[in-house]
Every structure is written in structure tokens, then in C-alpha cells.
Full PDB file with SEQRES, HELIX, SHEET, SSBOND, CRYST1, ORIGX, SCALE, CONECT and MASTER records, all heavy atoms in Angstrom:
SEQRES   1 A   34  SER LYS LEU PHE ASN ILE ASN THR ARG TYR SER ASP ASP          
SEQRES   2 A   34  ALA ILE PHE LEU ALA GLN SER THR ILE SER SER CYS GLU          
SEQRES   3 A   34  GLU ARG GLY GLN ASN PRO LYS LYS                              
HELIX    1 AA1 THR A    8  GLU A   27  1                                  20    
CRYST1    1.000    1.000    1.000  90.00  90.00  90.00 P 1           1          
ORIGX1      1.000000  0.000000  0.000000        0.00000                         
ORIGX2      0.000000  1.000000  0.000000        0.00000                         
ORIGX3      0.000000  0.000000  1.000000        0.00000                         
SCALE1      1.000000  0.000000  0.000000        0.00000                         
SCALE2      0.000000  1.000000  0.000000        0.00000                         
SCALE3      0.000000  0.000000  1.000000        0.00000                         
ATOM      1  N   SER A   1       5.124  59.250 -80.395  1.00  0.00           N  
ATOM      2  CA  SER A   1       6.436  59.114 -79.807  1.00  0.00           C  
ATOM      3  C   SER A   1       7.462  60.044 -80.437  1.00  0.00           C  
ATOM      4  O   SER A   1       8.286  60.666 -79.782  1.00  0.00           O  
ATOM      5  CB  SER A   1       6.947  57.667 -79.925  1.00  0.00           C  
ATOM      6  OG  SER A   1       6.126  56.776 -79.219  1.00  0.00           O  
ATOM      7  N   LYS A   2       7.335  60.199 -81.752  1.00  0.00           N  
ATOM      8  CA  LYS A   2       8.260  61.082 -82.499  1.00  0.00           C  
ATOM      9  C   LYS A   2       7.909  62.557 -82.296  1.00  0.00           C  
ATOM     10  O   LYS A   2       8.800  63.410 -82.052  1.00  0.00           O  
ATOM     11  CB  LYS A   2       8.232  60.763 -83.996  1.00  0.00           C  
ATOM     12  CG  LYS A   2       8.846  59.375 -84.297  1.00  0.00           C  
ATOM     13  CD  LYS A   2       8.763  59.092 -85.801  1.00  0.00           C  
ATOM     14  CE  LYS A   2       9.351  57.724 -86.129  1.00  0.00           C  
ATOM     15  NZ  LYS A   2       9.267  57.455 -87.587  1.00  0.00           N  
ATOM     16  N   LEU A   3       6.630  62.879 -82.390  1.00  0.00           N  
ATOM     17  CA  LEU A   3       6.213  64.293 -82.294  1.00  0.00           C  
ATOM     18  C   LEU A   3       6.428  64.893 -80.929  1.00  0.00           C  
ATOM     19  O   LEU A   3       6.820  66.052 -80.824  1.00  0.00           O  
ATOM     20  CB  LEU A   3       4.730  64.366 -82.716  1.00  0.00           C  
ATOM     21  CG  LEU A   3       4.394  64.288 -84.216  1.00  0.00           C  
ATOM     22  CD1 LEU A   3       2.928  64.192 -84.416  1.00  0.00           C  
ATOM     23  CD2 LEU A   3       5.006  65.454 -84.988  1.00  0.00           C  
ATOM     24  N   PHE A   4       6.136  64.124 -79.883  1.00  0.00           N  
ATOM     25  CA  PHE A   4       6.123  64.698 -78.541  1.00  0.00           C  
ATOM     26  C   PHE A   4       7.220  64.155 -77.640  1.00  0.00           C  
ATOM     27  O   PHE A   4       7.270  64.454 -76.417  1.00  0.00           O  
ATOM     28  CB  PHE A   4       4.770  64.437 -77.900  1.00  0.00           C  
ATOM     29  CG  PHE A   4       3.628  65.042 -78.664  1.00  0.00           C  
ATOM     30  CD1 PHE A   4       2.886  64.260 -79.558  1.00  0.00           C  
ATOM     31  CD2 PHE A   4       3.336  66.395 -78.543  1.00  0.00           C  
ATOM     32  CE1 PHE A   4       1.820  64.811 -80.261  1.00  0.00           C  
ATOM     33  CE2 PHE A   4       2.284  66.948 -79.269  1.00  0.00           C  
ATOM     34  CZ  PHE A   4       1.520  66.168 -80.128  1.00  0.00           C  
ATOM     35  N   ASN A   5       8.155  63.361 -78.214  1.00  0.00           N  
ATOM     36  CA  ASN A   5       9.347  62.869 -77.471  1.00  0.00           C  
ATOM     37  C   ASN A   5       8.910  62.167 -76.163  1.00  0.00           C  
ATOM     38  O   ASN A   5       9.405  62.474 -75.079  1.00  0.00           O  
ATOM     39  CB  ASN A   5      10.275  64.022 -77.143  1.00  0.00           C  
ATOM     40  CG  ASN A   5      11.632  63.562 -76.662  1.00  0.00           C  
ATOM     41  OD1 ASN A   5      12.009  62.391 -76.967  1.00  0.00           O  
ATOM     42  ND2 ASN A   5      12.307  64.366 -75.921  1.00  0.00           N  
ATOM     43  N   ILE A   6       8.016  61.190 -76.302  1.00  0.00           N  
ATOM     44  CA  ILE A   6       7.611  60.350 -75.169  1.00  0.00           C  
ATOM     45  C   ILE A   6       7.737  58.892 -75.578  1.00  0.00           C  
ATOM     46  O   ILE A   6       7.696  58.570 -76.761  1.00  0.00           O  
ATOM     47  CB  ILE A   6       6.145  60.627 -74.710  1.00  0.00           C  
ATOM     48  CG1 ILE A   6       5.179  60.504 -75.874  1.00  0.00           C  
ATOM     49  CG2 ILE A   6       6.046  62.013 -74.062  1.00  0.00           C  
ATOM     50  CD1 ILE A   6       3.740  60.715 -75.537  1.00  0.00           C  
ATOM     51  N   ASN A   7       7.952  58.008 -74.613  1.00  0.00           N  
ATOM     52  CA  ASN A   7       8.115  56.585 -74.963  1.00  0.00           C  
ATOM     53  C   ASN A   7       6.818  55.994 -75.457  1.00  0.00           C  
ATOM     54  O   ASN A   7       5.751  56.544 -75.311  1.00  0.00           O  
ATOM     55  CB  ASN A   7       8.720  55.787 -73.805  1.00  0.00           C  
ATOM     56  CG  ASN A   7       7.804  55.752 -72.575  1.00  0.00           C  
ATOM     57  OD1 ASN A   7       6.575  55.682 -72.692  1.00  0.00           O  
ATOM     58  ND2 ASN A   7       8.400  55.822 -71.400  1.00  0.00           N  
ATOM     59  N   THR A   8       6.915  54.809 -76.062  1.00  0.00           N  
ATOM     60  CA  THR A   8       5.744  54.178 -76.709  1.00  0.00           C  
ATOM     61  C   THR A   8       4.633  53.844 -75.738  1.00  0.00           C  
ATOM     62  O   THR A   8       3.442  53.872 -76.082  1.00  0.00           O  
ATOM     63  CB  THR A   8       6.164  52.922 -77.505  1.00  0.00           C  
ATOM     64  OG1 THR A   8       6.872  52.036 -76.611  1.00  0.00           O  
ATOM     65  CG2 THR A   8       7.056  53.269 -78.676  1.00  0.00           C  
ATOM     66  N   ARG A   9       5.013  53.499 -74.500  1.00  0.00           N  
ATOM     67  CA  ARG A   9       4.003  53.178 -73.486  1.00  0.00           C  
ATOM     68  C   ARG A   9       3.175  54.387 -73.108  1.00  0.00           C  
ATOM     69  O   ARG A   9       1.979  54.333 -72.978  1.00  0.00           O  
ATOM     70  CB  ARG A   9       4.654  52.544 -72.277  1.00  0.00           C  
ATOM     71  CG  ARG A   9       3.636  51.932 -71.313  1.00  0.00           C  
ATOM     72  CD  ARG A   9       4.328  51.116 -70.269  1.00  0.00           C  
ATOM     73  NE  ARG A   9       4.750  49.824 -70.782  1.00  0.00           N  
ATOM     74  CZ  ARG A   9       4.033  48.708 -70.674  1.00  0.00           C  
ATOM     75  NH1 ARG A   9       2.847  48.727 -70.083  1.00  0.00           N  
ATOM     76  NH2 ARG A   9       4.504  47.566 -71.129  1.00  0.00           N  
ATOM     77  N   TYR A  10       3.875  55.544 -72.952  1.00  0.00           N  
ATOM     78  CA  TYR A  10       3.161  56.801 -72.719  1.00  0.00           C  
ATOM     79  C   TYR A  10       2.241  57.135 -73.909  1.00  0.00           C  
ATOM     80  O   TYR A  10       1.103  57.583 -73.743  1.00  0.00           O  
ATOM     81  CB  TYR A  10       4.136  57.938 -72.502  1.00  0.00           C  
ATOM     82  CG  TYR A  10       4.648  58.121 -71.087  1.00  0.00           C  
ATOM     83  CD1 TYR A  10       5.996  58.373 -70.802  1.00  0.00           C  
ATOM     84  CD2 TYR A  10       3.784  58.019 -69.977  1.00  0.00           C  
ATOM     85  CE1 TYR A  10       6.481  58.519 -69.529  1.00  0.00           C  
ATOM     86  CE2 TYR A  10       4.264  58.160 -68.710  1.00  0.00           C  
ATOM     87  CZ  TYR A  10       5.615  58.387 -68.460  1.00  0.00           C  
ATOM     88  OH  TYR A  10       6.066  58.556 -67.190  1.00  0.00           O  
ATOM     89  N   SER A  11       2.740  56.883 -75.107  1.00  0.00           N  
ATOM     90  CA  SER A  11       1.936  57.182 -76.336  1.00  0.00           C  
ATOM     91  C   SER A  11       0.655  56.329 -76.354  1.00  0.00           C  
ATOM     92  O   SER A  11      -0.441  56.805 -76.636  1.00  0.00           O  
ATOM     93  CB  SER A  11       2.776  56.877 -77.564  1.00  0.00           C  
ATOM     94  OG  SER A  11       3.879  57.681 -77.638  1.00  0.00           O  
ATOM     95  N   ASP A  12       0.837  55.015 -75.968  1.00  0.00           N  
ATOM     96  CA  ASP A  12      -0.291  54.098 -75.973  1.00  0.00           C  
ATOM     97  C   ASP A  12      -1.337  54.533 -74.894  1.00  0.00           C  
ATOM     98  O   ASP A  12      -2.533  54.458 -75.133  1.00  0.00           O  
ATOM     99  CB  ASP A  12       0.183  52.691 -75.696  1.00  0.00           C  
ATOM    100  CG  ASP A  12      -0.853  51.647 -76.088  1.00  0.00           C  
ATOM    101  OD1 ASP A  12      -1.517  51.839 -77.102  1.00  0.00           O  
ATOM    102  OD2 ASP A  12      -0.988  50.652 -75.371  1.00  0.00           O  
ATOM    103  N   ASP A  13      -0.831  55.027 -73.779  1.00  0.00           N  
ATOM    104  CA  ASP A  13      -1.729  55.491 -72.699  1.00  0.00           C  
ATOM    105  C   ASP A  13      -2.450  56.753 -73.087  1.00  0.00           C  
ATOM    106  O   ASP A  13      -3.623  56.983 -72.732  1.00  0.00           O  
ATOM    107  CB  ASP A  13      -0.935  55.717 -71.386  1.00  0.00           C  
ATOM    108  CG  ASP A  13      -0.435  54.410 -70.799  1.00  0.00           C  
ATOM    109  OD1 ASP A  13      -1.064  53.341 -71.066  1.00  0.00           O  
ATOM    110  OD2 ASP A  13       0.568  54.420 -70.114  1.00  0.00           O  
ATOM    111  N   ALA A  14      -1.761  57.631 -73.848  1.00  0.00           N  
ATOM    112  CA  ALA A  14      -2.401  58.867 -74.339  1.00  0.00           C  
ATOM    113  C   ALA A  14      -3.556  58.520 -75.276  1.00  0.00           C  
ATOM    114  O   ALA A  14      -4.624  59.135 -75.236  1.00  0.00           O  
ATOM    115  CB  ALA A  14      -1.380  59.771 -74.993  1.00  0.00           C  
ATOM    116  N   ILE A  15      -3.303  57.540 -76.180  1.00  0.00           N  
ATOM    117  CA  ILE A  15      -4.386  57.105 -77.128  1.00  0.00           C  
ATOM    118  C   ILE A  15      -5.540  56.487 -76.356  1.00  0.00           C  
ATOM    119  O   ILE A  15      -6.690  56.695 -76.675  1.00  0.00           O  
ATOM    120  CB  ILE A  15      -3.811  56.100 -78.120  1.00  0.00           C  
ATOM    121  CG1 ILE A  15      -2.732  56.810 -78.962  1.00  0.00           C  
ATOM    122  CG2 ILE A  15      -4.907  55.573 -79.026  1.00  0.00           C  
ATOM    123  CD1 ILE A  15      -1.889  55.848 -79.832  1.00  0.00           C  
ATOM    124  N   PHE A  16      -5.190  55.708 -75.313  1.00  0.00           N  
ATOM    125  CA  PHE A  16      -6.232  55.063 -74.491  1.00  0.00           C  
ATOM    126  C   PHE A  16      -7.125  56.115 -73.804  1.00  0.00           C  
ATOM    127  O   PHE A  16      -8.369  55.998 -73.829  1.00  0.00           O  
ATOM    128  CB  PHE A  16      -5.571  54.179 -73.426  1.00  0.00           C  
ATOM    129  CG  PHE A  16      -6.510  53.609 -72.411  1.00  0.00           C  
ATOM    130  CD1 PHE A  16      -7.330  52.532 -72.723  1.00  0.00           C  
ATOM    131  CD2 PHE A  16      -6.592  54.190 -71.126  1.00  0.00           C  
ATOM    132  CE1 PHE A  16      -8.219  52.024 -71.775  1.00  0.00           C  
ATOM    133  CE2 PHE A  16      -7.467  53.660 -70.199  1.00  0.00           C  
ATOM    134  CZ  PHE A  16      -8.305  52.590 -70.529  1.00  0.00           C  
ATOM    135  N   LEU A  17      -6.500  57.177 -73.262  1.00  0.00           N  
ATOM    136  CA  LEU A  17      -7.313  58.226 -72.634  1.00  0.00           C  
ATOM    137  C   LEU A  17      -8.178  58.968 -73.637  1.00  0.00           C  
ATOM    138  O   LEU A  17      -9.327  59.295 -73.378  1.00  0.00           O  
ATOM    139  CB  LEU A  17      -6.365  59.236 -71.927  1.00  0.00           C  
ATOM    140  CG  LEU A  17      -5.800  58.864 -70.549  1.00  0.00           C  
ATOM    141  CD1 LEU A  17      -4.999  60.049 -69.979  1.00  0.00           C  
ATOM    142  CD2 LEU A  17      -6.892  58.477 -69.572  1.00  0.00           C  
ATOM    143  N   ALA A  18      -7.611  59.216 -74.862  1.00  0.00           N  
ATOM    144  CA  ALA A  18      -8.375  59.911 -75.875  1.00  0.00           C  
ATOM    145  C   ALA A  18      -9.572  59.074 -76.289  1.00  0.00           C  
ATOM    146  O   ALA A  18     -10.698  59.598 -76.424  1.00  0.00           O  
ATOM    147  CB  ALA A  18      -7.476  60.200 -77.081  1.00  0.00           C  
ATOM    148  N   GLN A  19      -9.376  57.765 -76.497  1.00  0.00           N  
ATOM    149  CA  GLN A  19     -10.456  56.895 -76.892  1.00  0.00           C  
ATOM    150  C   GLN A  19     -11.529  56.792 -75.769  1.00  0.00           C  
ATOM    151  O   GLN A  19     -12.746  56.786 -76.067  1.00  0.00           O  
ATOM    152  CB  GLN A  19      -9.954  55.481 -77.227  1.00  0.00           C  
ATOM    153  CG  GLN A  19     -10.981  54.554 -77.751  1.00  0.00           C  
ATOM    154  CD  GLN A  19     -11.601  55.023 -79.058  1.00  0.00           C  
ATOM    155  OE1 GLN A  19     -10.903  55.166 -80.045  1.00  0.00           O  
ATOM    156  NE2 GLN A  19     -12.922  55.298 -79.054  1.00  0.00           N  
ATOM    157  N   SER A  20     -11.100  56.746 -74.538  1.00  0.00           N  
ATOM    158  CA  SER A  20     -12.052  56.715 -73.391  1.00  0.00           C  
ATOM    159  C   SER A  20     -12.853  57.994 -73.336  1.00  0.00           C  
ATOM    160  O   SER A  20     -14.075  57.952 -73.012  1.00  0.00           O  
ATOM    161  CB  SER A  20     -11.274  56.538 -72.092  1.00  0.00           C  
ATOM    162  OG  SER A  20     -10.526  55.331 -72.077  1.00  0.00           O  
ATOM    163  N   THR A  21     -12.253  59.134 -73.625  1.00  0.00           N  
ATOM    164  CA  THR A  21     -12.972  60.397 -73.606  1.00  0.00           C  
ATOM    165  C   THR A  21     -14.033  60.457 -74.699  1.00  0.00           C  
ATOM    166  O   THR A  21     -15.148  60.907 -74.490  1.00  0.00           O  
ATOM    167  CB  THR A  21     -11.990  61.576 -73.809  1.00  0.00           C  
ATOM    168  OG1 THR A  21     -10.940  61.472 -72.820  1.00  0.00           O  
ATOM    169  CG2 THR A  21     -12.706  62.942 -73.639  1.00  0.00           C  
ATOM    170  N   ILE A  22     -13.693  59.948 -75.892  1.00  0.00           N  
ATOM    171  CA  ILE A  22     -14.662  59.873 -76.986  1.00  0.00           C  
ATOM    172  C   ILE A  22     -15.843  58.994 -76.611  1.00  0.00           C  
ATOM    173  O   ILE A  22     -17.009  59.353 -76.811  1.00  0.00           O  
ATOM    174  CB  ILE A  22     -13.983  59.369 -78.268  1.00  0.00           C  
ATOM    175  CG1 ILE A  22     -12.954  60.412 -78.794  1.00  0.00           C  
ATOM    176  CG2 ILE A  22     -15.026  59.111 -79.368  1.00  0.00           C  
ATOM    177  CD1 ILE A  22     -12.108  59.922 -79.937  1.00  0.00           C  
ATOM    178  N   SER A  23     -15.573  57.853 -76.054  1.00  0.00           N  
ATOM    179  CA  SER A  23     -16.615  56.902 -75.643  1.00  0.00           C  
ATOM    180  C   SER A  23     -17.507  57.485 -74.589  1.00  0.00           C  
ATOM    181  O   SER A  23     -18.738  57.312 -74.582  1.00  0.00           O  
ATOM    182  CB  SER A  23     -15.995  55.597 -75.150  1.00  0.00           C  
ATOM    183  OG  SER A  23     -15.217  54.975 -76.137  1.00  0.00           O  
ATOM    184  N   SER A  24     -16.918  58.221 -73.662  1.00  0.00           N  
ATOM    185  CA  SER A  24     -17.687  58.876 -72.566  1.00  0.00           C  
ATOM    186  C   SER A  24     -18.629  59.937 -73.144  1.00  0.00           C  
ATOM    187  O   SER A  24     -19.778  60.024 -72.698  1.00  0.00           O  
ATOM    188  CB  SER A  24     -16.709  59.486 -71.543  1.00  0.00           C  
ATOM    189  OG  SER A  24     -17.406  60.131 -70.531  1.00  0.00           O  
ATOM    190  N   CYS A  25     -18.151  60.685 -74.098  1.00  0.00           N  
ATOM    191  CA  CYS A  25     -18.996  61.720 -74.738  1.00  0.00           C  
ATOM    192  C   CYS A  25     -20.178  61.081 -75.442  1.00  0.00           C  
ATOM    193  O   CYS A  25     -21.302  61.556 -75.357  1.00  0.00           O  
ATOM    194  CB  CYS A  25     -18.183  62.564 -75.735  1.00  0.00           C  
ATOM    195  SG  CYS A  25     -17.060  63.723 -74.967  1.00  0.00           S  
ATOM    196  N   GLU A  26     -19.928  59.999 -76.159  1.00  0.00           N  
ATOM    197  CA  GLU A  26     -20.969  59.302 -76.891  1.00  0.00           C  
ATOM    198  C   GLU A  26     -22.020  58.697 -75.958  1.00  0.00           C  
ATOM    199  O   GLU A  26     -23.203  58.688 -76.248  1.00  0.00           O  
ATOM    200  CB  GLU A  26     -20.371  58.205 -77.786  1.00  0.00           C  
ATOM    201  CG  GLU A  26     -19.569  58.788 -78.934  1.00  0.00           C  
ATOM    202  CD  GLU A  26     -18.848  57.740 -79.739  1.00  0.00           C  
ATOM    203  OE1 GLU A  26     -18.761  56.555 -79.227  1.00  0.00           O  
ATOM    204  OE2 GLU A  26     -18.332  58.020 -80.826  1.00  0.00           O  
ATOM    205  N   GLU A  27     -21.579  58.162 -74.804  1.00  0.00           N  
ATOM    206  CA  GLU A  27     -22.502  57.596 -73.812  1.00  0.00           C  
ATOM    207  C   GLU A  27     -23.421  58.655 -73.265  1.00  0.00           C  
ATOM    208  O   GLU A  27     -24.592  58.415 -72.956  1.00  0.00           O  
ATOM    209  CB  GLU A  27     -21.748  56.934 -72.672  1.00  0.00           C  
ATOM    210  CG  GLU A  27     -21.130  55.578 -73.073  1.00  0.00           C  
ATOM    211  CD  GLU A  27     -20.423  54.924 -71.918  1.00  0.00           C  
ATOM    212  OE1 GLU A  27     -20.463  55.480 -70.804  1.00  0.00           O  
ATOM    213  OE2 GLU A  27     -19.779  53.889 -72.094  1.00  0.00           O  
ATOM    214  N   ARG A  28     -22.915  59.868 -73.055  1.00  0.00           N  
ATOM    215  CA  ARG A  28     -23.685  60.972 -72.508  1.00  0.00           C  
ATOM    216  C   ARG A  28     -24.529  61.690 -73.564  1.00  0.00           C  
ATOM    217  O   ARG A  28     -25.300  62.623 -73.233  1.00  0.00           O  
ATOM    218  CB  ARG A  28     -22.784  61.999 -71.791  1.00  0.00           C  
ATOM    219  CG  ARG A  28     -22.064  61.477 -70.576  1.00  0.00           C  
ATOM    220  CD  ARG A  28     -21.468  62.593 -69.771  1.00  0.00           C  
ATOM    221  NE  ARG A  28     -20.579  63.437 -70.550  1.00  0.00           N  
ATOM    222  CZ  ARG A  28     -19.245  63.264 -70.624  1.00  0.00           C  
ATOM    223  NH1 ARG A  28     -18.710  62.275 -69.948  1.00  0.00           N  
ATOM    224  NH2 ARG A  28     -18.510  64.039 -71.353  1.00  0.00           N  
ATOM    225  N   GLY A  29     -24.391  61.298 -74.817  1.00  0.00           N  
ATOM    226  CA  GLY A  29     -25.135  61.922 -75.891  1.00  0.00           C  
ATOM    227  C   GLY A  29     -24.562  63.255 -76.319  1.00  0.00           C  
ATOM    228  O   GLY A  29     -25.250  64.053 -76.964  1.00  0.00           O  
ATOM    229  N   GLN A  30     -23.269  63.506 -76.060  1.00  0.00           N  
ATOM    230  CA  GLN A  30     -22.617  64.781 -76.422  1.00  0.00           C  
ATOM    231  C   GLN A  30     -21.839  64.592 -77.721  1.00  0.00           C  
ATOM    232  O   GLN A  30     -21.450  63.460 -78.056  1.00  0.00           O  
ATOM    233  CB  GLN A  30     -21.707  65.239 -75.308  1.00  0.00           C  
ATOM    234  CG  GLN A  30     -22.455  65.558 -74.019  1.00  0.00           C  
ATOM    235  CD  GLN A  30     -21.473  65.931 -72.892  1.00  0.00           C  
ATOM    236  OE1 GLN A  30     -20.253  65.773 -73.023  1.00  0.00           O  
ATOM    237  NE2 GLN A  30     -22.010  66.422 -71.809  1.00  0.00           N  
ATOM    238  N   ASN A  31     -21.629  65.678 -78.412  1.00  0.00           N  
ATOM    239  CA  ASN A  31     -20.858  65.649 -79.663  1.00  0.00           C  
ATOM    240  C   ASN A  31     -19.350  65.712 -79.298  1.00  0.00           C  
ATOM    241  O   ASN A  31     -18.863  66.732 -78.743  1.00  0.00           O  
ATOM    242  CB  ASN A  31     -21.206  66.854 -80.497  1.00  0.00           C  
ATOM    243  CG  ASN A  31     -20.538  66.775 -81.890  1.00  0.00           C  
ATOM    244  OD1 ASN A  31     -19.699  65.925 -82.135  1.00  0.00           O  
ATOM    245  ND2 ASN A  31     -20.939  67.676 -82.760  1.00  0.00           N  
ATOM    246  N   PRO A  32     -18.564  64.644 -79.588  1.00  0.00           N  
ATOM    247  CA  PRO A  32     -17.138  64.646 -79.225  1.00  0.00           C  
ATOM    248  C   PRO A  32     -16.333  65.755 -79.886  1.00  0.00           C  
ATOM    249  O   PRO A  32     -15.320  66.185 -79.357  1.00  0.00           O  
ATOM    250  CB  PRO A  32     -16.626  63.272 -79.705  1.00  0.00           C  
ATOM    251  CG  PRO A  32     -17.860  62.429 -79.833  1.00  0.00           C  
ATOM    252  CD  PRO A  32     -18.947  63.375 -80.214  1.00  0.00           C  
ATOM    253  N   LYS A  33     -16.823  66.257 -81.013  1.00  0.00           N  
ATOM    254  CA  LYS A  33     -16.105  67.319 -81.751  1.00  0.00           C  
ATOM    255  C   LYS A  33     -16.187  68.650 -81.010  1.00  0.00           C  
ATOM    256  O   LYS A  33     -15.375  69.550 -81.287  1.00  0.00           O  
ATOM    257  CB  LYS A  33     -16.633  67.430 -83.162  1.00  0.00           C  
ATOM    258  CG  LYS A  33     -16.368  66.231 -84.040  1.00  0.00           C  
ATOM    259  CD  LYS A  33     -16.896  66.440 -85.460  1.00  0.00           C  
ATOM    260  CE  LYS A  33     -16.623  65.214 -86.318  1.00  0.00           C  
ATOM    261  NZ  LYS A  33     -17.124  65.408 -87.674  1.00  0.00           N  
ATOM    262  N   LYS A  34     -17.142  68.788 -80.127  1.00  0.00           N  
ATOM    263  CA  LYS A  34     -17.311  70.069 -79.438  1.00  0.00           C  
ATOM    264  C   LYS A  34     -16.678  70.054 -78.049  1.00  0.00           C  
ATOM    265  O   LYS A  34     -16.864  70.999 -77.277  1.00  0.00           O  
ATOM    266  CB  LYS A  34     -18.822  70.351 -79.278  1.00  0.00           C  
ATOM    267  CG  LYS A  34     -19.495  70.648 -80.611  1.00  0.00           C  
ATOM    268  CD  LYS A  34     -20.937  71.044 -80.451  1.00  0.00           C  
ATOM    269  CE  LYS A  34     -21.595  71.371 -81.793  1.00  0.00           C  
ATOM    270  NZ  LYS A  34     -23.012  71.781 -81.629  1.00  0.00           N  
TER     271      LYS A  34                                                      
MASTER        0    0    0    1    0    0    0    6  270    1    0    3          
END                                                                             
């Protein structure tokens, strides 16, 4: 919220999308770091 000037709900949704992307990579057997 401080770094990107967005409200806390947007921040929470951004974290949710990031976590979903990591989980999706792991399910497909891909390296999330790449």
C-alpha cells in the first residue's frame, strides 16, 4: 500500500494473485523462480 499507492484491498488481491501463480507453477511442475 505504501510503495505503490494502492488501497489495502488492492494490496491483498495482488498478494492473492501472486500466491495463486506460485501454486499454479508448482502444480505444473515448473520452477516459480523462472
